């Protein structure tokens, strides 16, 4: 399982550990990923995603999964999230 947010595309970054003696060793900064279940109001069902805490706050701020995916760019979304976005758009167009 990759360490990448399915909604924002956030992944590991690299940097240095710096000791008191100013020795530098390489390290990785990992995103704060959580397994969450999000509810789609349009489809009336739930979806499991592995997203960062920042993405979860963004979903809440925009008013839910449907509103977040409507404004999200396709190149940042995972294939599973893109599939959900298309399902939501299709259901909204039919309604």
PDB file of N, CA and C in Angstrom:
ATOM      1  N   UNK A   1       0.842  -1.171   0.000  1.00  0.00           N
ATOM      2  CA  UNK A   1       0.000   0.000   0.000  1.00  0.00           C
ATOM      3  C   UNK A   1       0.895   1.244   0.000  1.00  0.00           C
ATOM      4  N   UNK A   2       0.650   2.107  -0.950  1.00  0.00           N
ATOM      5  CA  UNK A   2       1.496   3.290  -1.057  1.00  0.00           C
ATOM      6  C   UNK A   2       1.136   4.314   0.020  1.00  0.00           C
ATOM      7  N   UNK A   3       2.116   5.113   0.386  1.00  0.00           N
ATOM      8  CA  UNK A   3       1.898   6.159   1.384  1.00  0.00           C
ATOM      9  C   UNK A   3       1.535   7.452   0.661  1.00  0.00           C
ATOM     10  N   UNK A   4       0.376   7.452   0.024  1.00  0.00           N
ATOM     11  CA  UNK A   4      -0.072   8.599  -0.742  1.00  0.00           C
ATOM     12  C   UNK A   4      -1.556   8.815  -0.470  1.00  0.00           C
ATOM     13  N   UNK A   5      -1.929  10.070  -0.255  1.00  0.00           N
ATOM     14  CA  UNK A   5      -3.326  10.430  -0.011  1.00  0.00           C
ATOM     15  C   UNK A   5      -4.119  10.225  -1.301  1.00  0.00           C
ATOM     16  N   UNK A   6      -5.288   9.584  -1.192  1.00  0.00           N
ATOM     17  CA  UNK A   6      -6.089   9.294  -2.374  1.00  0.00           C
ATOM     18  C   UNK A   6      -6.836  10.509  -2.909  1.00  0.00           C
ATOM     19  N   UNK A   7      -6.994  11.545  -2.107  1.00  0.00           N
ATOM     20  CA  UNK A   7      -7.732  12.724  -2.547  1.00  0.00           C
ATOM     21  C   UNK A   7      -6.835  13.889  -2.930  1.00  0.00           C
ATOM     22  N   UNK A   8      -5.746  14.112  -2.198  1.00  0.00           N
ATOM     23  CA  UNK A   8      -4.894  15.266  -2.480  1.00  0.00           C
ATOM     24  C   UNK A   8      -3.606  14.892  -3.196  1.00  0.00           C
ATOM     25  N   UNK A   9      -3.226  13.626  -3.176  1.00  0.00           N
ATOM     26  CA  UNK A   9      -1.980  13.208  -3.813  1.00  0.00           C
ATOM     27  C   UNK A   9      -0.748  13.453  -2.970  1.00  0.00           C
ATOM     28  N   UNK A  10      -0.925  13.873  -1.711  1.00  0.00           N
ATOM     29  CA  UNK A  10       0.221  14.102  -0.828  1.00  0.00           C
ATOM     30  C   UNK A  10       0.980  12.804  -0.627  1.00  0.00           C
ATOM     31  N   UNK A  11       2.321  12.890  -0.706  1.00  0.00           N
ATOM     32  CA  UNK A  11       3.159  11.723  -0.506  1.00  0.00           C
ATOM     33  C   UNK A  11       4.331  12.040   0.394  1.00  0.00           C
ATOM     34  N   UNK A  12       5.247  11.090   0.566  1.00  0.00           N
ATOM     35  CA  UNK A  12       6.408  11.330   1.413  1.00  0.00           C
ATOM     36  C   UNK A  12       7.314  12.416   0.844  1.00  0.00           C
ATOM     37  N   UNK A  13       7.915  13.192   1.747  1.00  0.00           N
ATOM     38  CA  UNK A  13       8.907  14.189   1.374  1.00  0.00           C
ATOM     39  C   UNK A  13      10.220  13.792   2.030  1.00  0.00           C
ATOM     40  N   UNK A  14      11.315  14.350   1.549  1.00  0.00           N
ATOM     41  CA  UNK A  14      12.612  14.037   2.136  1.00  0.00           C
ATOM     42  C   UNK A  14      13.229  15.286   2.724  1.00  0.00           C
ATOM     43  N   UNK A  15      14.123  15.057   3.683  1.00  0.00           N
ATOM     44  CA  UNK A  15      14.813  16.162   4.333  1.00  0.00           C
ATOM     45  C   UNK A  15      15.957  15.620   5.146  1.00  0.00           C
ATOM     46  N   UNK A  16      16.394  16.378   6.125  1.00  0.00           N
ATOM     47  CA  UNK A  16      17.520  15.993   6.963  1.00  0.00           C
ATOM     48  C   UNK A  16      17.128  15.953   8.426  1.00  0.00           C
ATOM     49  N   UNK A  17      17.691  14.963   9.147  1.00  0.00           N
ATOM     50  CA  UNK A  17      17.760  15.034  10.597  1.00  0.00           C
ATOM     51  C   UNK A  17      19.005  15.848  10.906  1.00  0.00           C
ATOM     52  N   UNK A  18      18.889  16.840  11.751  1.00  0.00           N
ATOM     53  CA  UNK A  18      20.042  17.663  12.101  1.00  0.00           C
ATOM     54  C   UNK A  18      20.293  17.518  13.593  1.00  0.00           C
ATOM     55  N   UNK A  19      21.468  17.002  13.944  1.00  0.00           N
ATOM     56  CA  UNK A  19      21.802  16.781  15.345  1.00  0.00           C
ATOM     57  C   UNK A  19      22.280  18.077  15.993  1.00  0.00           C
ATOM     58  N   UNK A  20      22.470  18.011  17.288  1.00  0.00           N
ATOM     59  CA  UNK A  20      22.981  19.162  18.024  1.00  0.00           C
ATOM     60  C   UNK A  20      24.376  19.555  17.523  1.00  0.00           C
ATOM     61  N   UNK A  21      25.135  18.548  17.052  1.00  0.00           N
ATOM     62  CA  UNK A  21      26.472  18.805  16.508  1.00  0.00           C
ATOM     63  C   UNK A  21      26.417  19.194  15.020  1.00  0.00           C
ATOM     64  N   UNK A  22      25.202  19.417  14.519  1.00  0.00           N
ATOM     65  CA  UNK A  22      24.956  19.832  13.137  1.00  0.00           C
ATOM     66  C   UNK A  22      25.315  18.748  12.123  1.00  0.00           C
ATOM     67  N   UNK A  23      25.284  17.455  12.559  1.00  0.00           N
ATOM     68  CA  UNK A  23      25.433  16.349  11.613  1.00  0.00           C
ATOM     69  C   UNK A  23      24.102  16.176  10.896  1.00  0.00           C
ATOM     70  N   UNK A  24      24.162  15.896   9.604  1.00  0.00           N
ATOM     71  CA  UNK A  24      22.942  15.767   8.811  1.00  0.00           C
ATOM     72  C   UNK A  24      22.833  14.357   8.253  1.00  0.00           C
ATOM     73  N   UNK A  25      21.677  13.730   8.465  1.00  0.00           N
ATOM     74  CA  UNK A  25      21.391  12.426   7.879  1.00  0.00           C
ATOM     75  C   UNK A  25      20.029  12.516   7.204  1.00  0.00           C
ATOM     76  N   UNK A  26      19.872  11.814   6.095  1.00  0.00           N
ATOM     77  CA  UNK A  26      18.626  11.890   5.324  1.00  0.00           C
ATOM     78  C   UNK A  26      17.496  11.183   6.063  1.00  0.00           C
ATOM     79  N   UNK A  27      16.293  11.713   5.897  1.00  0.00           N
ATOM     80  CA  UNK A  27      15.103  11.119   6.494  1.00  0.00           C
ATOM     81  C   UNK A  27      13.908  11.364   5.596  1.00  0.00           C
ATOM     82  N   UNK A  28      12.805  10.720   5.911  1.00  0.00           N
ATOM     83  CA  UNK A  28      11.558  10.905   5.168  1.00  0.00           C
ATOM     84  C   UNK A  28      10.498  11.486   6.089  1.00  0.00           C
ATOM     85  N   UNK A  29       9.740  12.437   5.569  1.00  0.00           N
ATOM     86  CA  UNK A  29       8.587  12.981   6.269  1.00  0.00           C
ATOM     87  C   UNK A  29       7.348  12.336   5.638  1.00  0.00           C
ATOM     88  N   UNK A  30       6.647  11.506   6.396  1.00  0.00           N
ATOM     89  CA  UNK A  30       5.496  10.785   5.864  1.00  0.00           C
ATOM     90  C   UNK A  30       4.209  11.566   6.126  1.00  0.00           C
ATOM     91  N   UNK A  31       3.254  11.519   5.204  1.00  0.00           N
ATOM     92  CA  UNK A  31       1.973  12.195   5.446  1.00  0.00           C
ATOM     93  C   UNK A  31       1.181  11.468   6.526  1.00  0.00           C
ATOM     94  N   UNK A  32       0.330  12.188   7.215  1.00  0.00           N
ATOM     95  CA  UNK A  32      -0.501  11.632   8.286  1.00  0.00           C
ATOM     96  C   UNK A  32      -1.737  10.998   7.653  1.00  0.00           C
ATOM     97  N   UNK A  33      -1.606   9.724   7.247  1.00  0.00           N
ATOM     98  CA  UNK A  33      -2.692   9.039   6.549  1.00  0.00           C
ATOM     99  C   UNK A  33      -3.589   8.292   7.519  1.00  0.00           C
ATOM    100  N   UNK A  34      -4.882   8.347   7.247  1.00  0.00           N
ATOM    101  CA  UNK A  34      -5.890   7.671   8.054  1.00  0.00           C
ATOM    102  C   UNK A  34      -6.819   6.896   7.134  1.00  0.00           C
ATOM    103  N   UNK A  35      -7.266   5.729   7.577  1.00  0.00           N
ATOM    104  CA  UNK A  35      -8.290   4.971   6.857  1.00  0.00           C
ATOM    105  C   UNK A  35      -9.648   5.490   7.319  1.00  0.00           C
ATOM    106  N   UNK A  36     -10.414   6.058   6.399  1.00  0.00           N
ATOM    107  CA  UNK A  36     -11.712   6.636   6.757  1.00  0.00           C
ATOM    108  C   UNK A  36     -12.792   6.122   5.814  1.00  0.00           C
ATOM    109  N   UNK A  37     -14.019   6.181   6.283  1.00  0.00           N
ATOM    110  CA  UNK A  37     -15.186   5.855   5.470  1.00  0.00           C
ATOM    111  C   UNK A  37     -15.980   7.137   5.306  1.00  0.00           C
ATOM    112  N   UNK A  38     -16.166   7.554   4.052  1.00  0.00           N
ATOM    113  CA  UNK A  38     -16.878   8.797   3.762  1.00  0.00           C
ATOM    114  C   UNK A  38     -18.207   8.484   3.087  1.00  0.00           C
ATOM    115  N   UNK A  39     -19.230   9.253   3.431  1.00  0.00           N
ATOM    116  CA  UNK A  39     -20.585   9.056   2.927  1.00  0.00           C
ATOM    117  C   UNK A  39     -20.840   9.968   1.733  1.00  0.00           C
ATOM    118  N   UNK A  40     -21.383   9.404   0.653  1.00  0.00           N
ATOM    119  CA  UNK A  40     -21.803  10.200  -0.491  1.00  0.00           C
ATOM    120  C   UNK A  40     -23.296  10.454  -0.373  1.00  0.00           C
ATOM    121  N   UNK A  41     -23.679  11.730  -0.352  1.00  0.00           N
ATOM    122  CA  UNK A  41     -25.099  12.078  -0.231  1.00  0.00           C
ATOM    123  C   UNK A  41     -25.852  11.769  -1.515  1.00  0.00           C
ATOM    124  N   UNK A  42     -25.222  11.983  -2.654  1.00  0.00           N
ATOM    125  CA  UNK A  42     -25.874  11.758  -3.944  1.00  0.00           C
ATOM    126  C   UNK A  42     -26.145  10.283  -4.191  1.00  0.00           C
ATOM    127  N   UNK A  43     -25.139   9.444  -3.915  1.00  0.00           N
ATOM    128  CA  UNK A  43     -25.267   8.017  -4.182  1.00  0.00           C
ATOM    129  C   UNK A  43     -25.899   7.257  -3.019  1.00  0.00           C
ATOM    130  N   UNK A  44     -25.852   7.838  -1.821  1.00  0.00           N
ATOM    131  CA  UNK A  44     -26.442   7.185  -0.658  1.00  0.00           C
ATOM    132  C   UNK A  44     -25.667   5.976  -0.180  1.00  0.00           C
ATOM    133  N   UNK A  45     -24.364   5.962  -0.391  1.00  0.00           N
ATOM    134  CA  UNK A  45     -23.537   4.852   0.084  1.00  0.00           C
ATOM    135  C   UNK A  45     -22.206   5.379   0.582  1.00  0.00           C
ATOM    136  N   UNK A  46     -21.424   4.486   1.170  1.00  0.00           N
ATOM    137  CA  UNK A  46     -20.157   4.884   1.759  1.00  0.00           C
ATOM    138  C   UNK A  46     -18.994   4.361   0.932  1.00  0.00           C
ATOM    139  N   UNK A  47     -17.841   5.041   1.069  1.00  0.00           N
ATOM    140  CA  UNK A  47     -16.621   4.671   0.367  1.00  0.00           C
ATOM    141  C   UNK A  47     -15.460   4.725   1.344  1.00  0.00           C
ATOM    142  N   UNK A  48     -14.559   3.742   1.250  1.00  0.00           N
ATOM    143  CA  UNK A  48     -13.381   3.717   2.112  1.00  0.00           C
ATOM    144  C   UNK A  48     -12.209   4.329   1.361  1.00  0.00           C
ATOM    145  N   UNK A  49     -11.526   5.262   2.021  1.00  0.00           N
ATOM    146  CA  UNK A  49     -10.361   5.915   1.443  1.00  0.00           C
ATOM    147  C   UNK A  49      -9.237   5.945   2.463  1.00  0.00           C
ATOM    148  N   UNK A  50      -8.009   6.077   1.979  1.00  0.00           N
ATOM    149  CA  UNK A  50      -6.836   6.300   2.829  1.00  0.00           C
ATOM    150  C   UNK A  50      -6.376   7.716   2.517  1.00  0.00           C
ATOM    151  N   UNK A  51      -6.745   8.657   3.394  1.00  0.00           N
ATOM    152  CA  UNK A  51      -6.500  10.067   3.109  1.00  0.00           C
ATOM    153  C   UNK A  51      -5.744  10.719   4.259  1.00  0.00           C
ATOM    154  N   UNK A  52      -5.143  11.863   3.978  1.00  0.00           N
ATOM    155  CA  UNK A  52      -4.421  12.615   5.000  1.00  0.00           C
ATOM    156  C   UNK A  52      -5.419  13.362   5.881  1.00  0.00           C
ATOM    157  N   UNK A  53      -4.958  13.736   7.059  1.00  0.00           N
ATOM    158  CA  UNK A  53      -5.814  14.495   7.977  1.00  0.00           C
ATOM    159  C   UNK A  53      -6.185  15.848   7.387  1.00  0.00           C
ATOM    160  N   UNK A  54      -5.273  16.451   6.644  1.00  0.00           N
ATOM    161  CA  UNK A  54      -5.559  17.737   5.993  1.00  0.00           C
ATOM    162  C   UNK A  54      -6.674  17.576   4.959  1.00  0.00           C
ATOM    163  N   UNK A  55      -6.670  16.469   4.229  1.00  0.00           N
ATOM    164  CA  UNK A  55      -7.718  16.221   3.238  1.00  0.00           C
ATOM    165  C   UNK A  55      -9.065  16.005   3.922  1.00  0.00           C
ATOM    166  N   UNK A  56      -9.053  15.341   5.069  1.00  0.00           N
ATOM    167  CA  UNK A  56     -10.294  15.118   5.806  1.00  0.00           C
ATOM    168  C   UNK A  56     -10.893  16.443   6.264  1.00  0.00           C
ATOM    169  N   UNK A  57     -10.042  17.359   6.725  1.00  0.00           N
ATOM    170  CA  UNK A  57     -10.525  18.688   7.106  1.00  0.00           C
ATOM    171  C   UNK A  57     -11.070  19.436   5.887  1.00  0.00           C
ATOM    172  N   UNK A  58     -10.430  19.277   4.734  1.00  0.00           N
ATOM    173  CA  UNK A  58     -10.896  19.934   3.512  1.00  0.00           C
ATOM    174  C   UNK A  58     -12.254  19.394   3.082  1.00  0.00           C
ATOM    175  N   UNK A  59     -12.448  18.084   3.204  1.00  0.00           N
ATOM    176  CA  UNK A  59     -13.742  17.474   2.867  1.00  0.00           C
ATOM    177  C   UNK A  59     -14.831  18.057   3.771  1.00  0.00           C
ATOM    178  N   UNK A  60     -14.558  18.160   5.062  1.00  0.00           N
ATOM    179  CA  UNK A  60     -15.535  18.745   5.985  1.00  0.00           C
ATOM    180  C   UNK A  60     -15.801  20.212   5.661  1.00  0.00           C
ATOM    181  N   UNK A  61     -14.750  20.950   5.323  1.00  0.00           N
ATOM    182  CA  UNK A  61     -14.882  22.381   5.042  1.00  0.00           C
ATOM    183  C   UNK A  61     -15.718  22.637   3.790  1.00  0.00           C
ATOM    184  N   UNK A  62     -15.545  21.800   2.780  1.00  0.00           N
ATOM    185  CA  UNK A  62     -16.287  21.999   1.521  1.00  0.00           C
ATOM    186  C   UNK A  62     -17.696  21.444   1.563  1.00  0.00           C
ATOM    187  N   UNK A  63     -18.052  20.739   2.622  1.00  0.00           N
ATOM    188  CA  UNK A  63     -19.438  20.291   2.750  1.00  0.00           C
ATOM    189  C   UNK A  63     -19.678  18.852   2.377  1.00  0.00           C
ATOM    190  N   UNK A  64     -18.676  18.012   2.460  1.00  0.00           N
ATOM    191  CA  UNK A  64     -18.871  16.585   2.207  1.00  0.00           C
ATOM    192  C   UNK A  64     -18.080  16.080   1.013  1.00  0.00           C
ATOM    193  N   UNK A  65     -18.143  14.766   0.833  1.00  0.00           N
ATOM    194  CA  UNK A  65     -17.377  14.102  -0.221  1.00  0.00           C
ATOM    195  C   UNK A  65     -17.802  14.560  -1.615  1.00  0.00           C
ATOM    196  N   UNK A  66     -19.094  14.695  -1.839  1.00  0.00           N
ATOM    197  CA  UNK A  66     -19.583  15.076  -3.169  1.00  0.00           C
ATOM    198  C   UNK A  66     -19.069  16.451  -3.584  1.00  0.00           C
ATOM    199  N   UNK A  67     -19.151  17.415  -2.691  1.00  0.00           N
ATOM    200  CA  UNK A  67     -18.698  18.772  -2.997  1.00  0.00           C
ATOM    201  C   UNK A  67     -17.186  18.808  -3.184  1.00  0.00           C
ATOM    202  N   UNK A  68     -16.453  18.027  -2.381  1.00  0.00           N
ATOM    203  CA  UNK A  68     -14.991  18.007  -2.509  1.00  0.00           C
ATOM    204  C   UNK A  68     -14.577  17.442  -3.865  1.00  0.00           C
ATOM    205  N   UNK A  69     -15.167  16.307  -4.241  1.00  0.00           N
ATOM    206  CA  UNK A  69     -14.781  15.674  -5.510  1.00  0.00           C
ATOM    207  C   UNK A  69     -15.199  16.504  -6.717  1.00  0.00           C
ATOM    208  N   UNK A  70     -16.280  17.277  -6.595  1.00  0.00           N
ATOM    209  CA  UNK A  70     -16.724  18.117  -7.707  1.00  0.00           C
ATOM    210  C   UNK A  70     -15.677  19.173  -8.047  1.00  0.00           C
ATOM    211  N   UNK A  71     -14.959  19.684  -7.033  1.00  0.00           N
ATOM    212  CA  UNK A  71     -13.959  20.722  -7.262  1.00  0.00           C
ATOM    213  C   UNK A  71     -12.545  20.171  -7.410  1.00  0.00           C
ATOM    214  N   UNK A  72     -12.333  18.889  -7.137  1.00  0.00           N
ATOM    215  CA  UNK A  72     -10.986  18.311  -7.153  1.00  0.00           C
ATOM    216  C   UNK A  72     -10.497  18.085  -8.583  1.00  0.00           C
ATOM    217  N   UNK A  73      -9.182  18.216  -8.775  1.00  0.00           N
ATOM    218  CA  UNK A  73      -8.565  17.958 -10.076  1.00  0.00           C
ATOM    219  C   UNK A  73      -8.342  16.457 -10.241  1.00  0.00           C
ATOM    220  N   UNK A  74      -8.581  15.956 -11.443  1.00  0.00           N
ATOM    221  CA  UNK A  74      -8.469  14.521 -11.685  1.00  0.00           C
ATOM    222  C   UNK A  74      -7.043  14.009 -11.531  1.00  0.00           C
ATOM    223  N   UNK A  75      -6.036  14.829 -11.833  1.00  0.00           N
ATOM    224  CA  UNK A  75      -4.656  14.341 -11.752  1.00  0.00           C
ATOM    225  C   UNK A  75      -4.193  14.148 -10.310  1.00  0.00           C
ATOM    226  N   UNK A  76      -4.872  14.752  -9.330  1.00  0.00           N
ATOM    227  CA  UNK A  76      -4.516  14.559  -7.927  1.00  0.00           C
ATOM    228  C   UNK A  76      -5.213  13.347  -7.329  1.00  0.00           C
ATOM    229  N   UNK A  77      -6.339  12.927  -7.887  1.00  0.00           N
ATOM    230  CA  UNK A  77      -7.131  11.844  -7.319  1.00  0.00           C
ATOM    231  C   UNK A  77      -6.575  10.482  -7.712  1.00  0.00           C
ATOM    232  N   UNK A  78      -6.783   9.505  -6.827  1.00  0.00           N
ATOM    233  CA  UNK A  78      -6.414   8.132  -7.138  1.00  0.00           C
ATOM    234  C   UNK A  78      -7.435   7.568  -8.136  1.00  0.00           C
ATOM    235  N   UNK A  79      -7.114   6.456  -8.799  1.00  0.00           N
ATOM    236  CA  UNK A  79      -8.092   5.867  -9.731  1.00  0.00           C
ATOM    237  C   UNK A  79      -9.431   5.526  -9.062  1.00  0.00           C
ATOM    238  N   UNK A  80      -9.391   5.067  -7.818  1.00  0.00           N
ATOM    239  CA  UNK A  80     -10.638   4.756  -7.107  1.00  0.00           C
ATOM    240  C   UNK A  80     -11.454   6.018  -6.858  1.00  0.00           C
ATOM    241  N   UNK A  81     -10.787   7.102  -6.485  1.00  0.00           N
ATOM    242  CA  UNK A  81     -11.494   8.358  -6.239  1.00  0.00           C
ATOM    243  C   UNK A  81     -12.042   8.937  -7.543  1.00  0.00           C
ATOM    244  N   UNK A  82     -11.316   8.777  -8.650  1.00  0.00           N
ATOM    245  CA  UNK A  82     -11.803   9.244  -9.951  1.00  0.00           C
ATOM    246  C   UNK A  82     -13.064   8.486 -10.349  1.00  0.00           C
ATOM    247  N   UNK A  83     -13.089   7.195 -10.050  1.00  0.00           N
ATOM    248  CA  UNK A  83     -14.265   6.383 -10.365  1.00  0.00           C
ATOM    249  C   UNK A  83     -15.474   6.858  -9.565  1.00  0.00           C
ATOM    250  N   UNK A  84     -15.275   7.155  -8.281  1.00  0.00           N
ATOM    251  CA  UNK A  84     -16.359   7.653  -7.436  1.00  0.00           C
ATOM    252  C   UNK A  84     -16.833   9.013  -7.942  1.00  0.00           C
ATOM    253  N   UNK A  85     -15.892   9.865  -8.354  1.00  0.00           N
ATOM    254  CA  UNK A  85     -16.243  11.188  -8.867  1.00  0.00           C
ATOM    255  C   UNK A  85     -17.126  11.063 -10.110  1.00  0.00           C
ATOM    256  N   UNK A  86     -16.799  10.138 -11.007  1.00  0.00           N
ATOM    257  CA  UNK A  86     -17.610   9.940 -12.215  1.00  0.00           C
ATOM    258  C   UNK A  86     -18.997   9.409 -11.880  1.00  0.00           C
ATOM    259  N   UNK A  87     -19.080   8.491 -10.904  1.00  0.00           N
ATOM    260  CA  UNK A  87     -20.378   7.968 -10.478  1.00  0.00           C
ATOM    261  C   UNK A  87     -21.245   9.082  -9.909  1.00  0.00           C
ATOM    262  N   UNK A  88     -20.663   9.949  -9.101  1.00  0.00           N
ATOM    263  CA  UNK A  88     -21.417  11.050  -8.488  1.00  0.00           C
ATOM    264  C   UNK A  88     -21.880  12.028  -9.559  1.00  0.00           C
ATOM    265  N   UNK A  89     -21.010  12.346 -10.515  1.00  0.00           N
ATOM    266  CA  UNK A  89     -21.384  13.269 -11.597  1.00  0.00           C
ATOM    267  C   UNK A  89     -22.506  12.678 -12.449  1.00  0.00           C
ATOM    268  N   UNK A  90     -22.422  11.382 -12.712  1.00  0.00           N
ATOM    269  CA  UNK A  90     -23.458  10.721 -13.513  1.00  0.00           C
ATOM    270  C   UNK A  90     -24.804  10.712 -12.786  1.00  0.00           C
ATOM    271  N   UNK A  91     -24.781  10.415 -11.485  1.00  0.00           N
ATOM    272  CA  UNK A  91     -26.015  10.391 -10.695  1.00  0.00           C
ATOM    273  C   UNK A  91     -26.613  11.792 -10.564  1.00  0.00           C
ATOM    274  N   UNK A  92     -25.751  12.813 -10.447  1.00  0.00           N
ATOM    275  CA  UNK A  92     -26.243  14.194 -10.336  1.00  0.00           C
ATOM    276  C   UNK A  92     -26.867  14.648 -11.657  1.00  0.00           C
ATOM    277  N   UNK A  93     -26.293  14.197 -12.775  1.00  0.00           N
ATOM    278  CA  UNK A  93     -26.839  14.588 -14.080  1.00  0.00           C
ATOM    279  C   UNK A  93     -28.193  13.943 -14.331  1.00  0.00           C
ATOM    280  N   UNK A  94     -28.381  12.732 -13.860  1.00  0.00           N
ATOM    281  CA  UNK A  94     -29.641  12.040 -14.050  1.00  0.00           C
ATOM    282  C   UNK A  94     -30.751  12.608 -13.169  1.00  0.00           C
ATOM    283  N   UNK A  95     -30.361  13.120 -12.013  1.00  0.00           N
ATOM    284  CA  UNK A  95     -31.380  13.641 -11.077  1.00  0.00           C
ATOM    285  C   UNK A  95     -31.866  15.028 -11.445  1.00  0.00           C
TER     286      UNK A  95
END
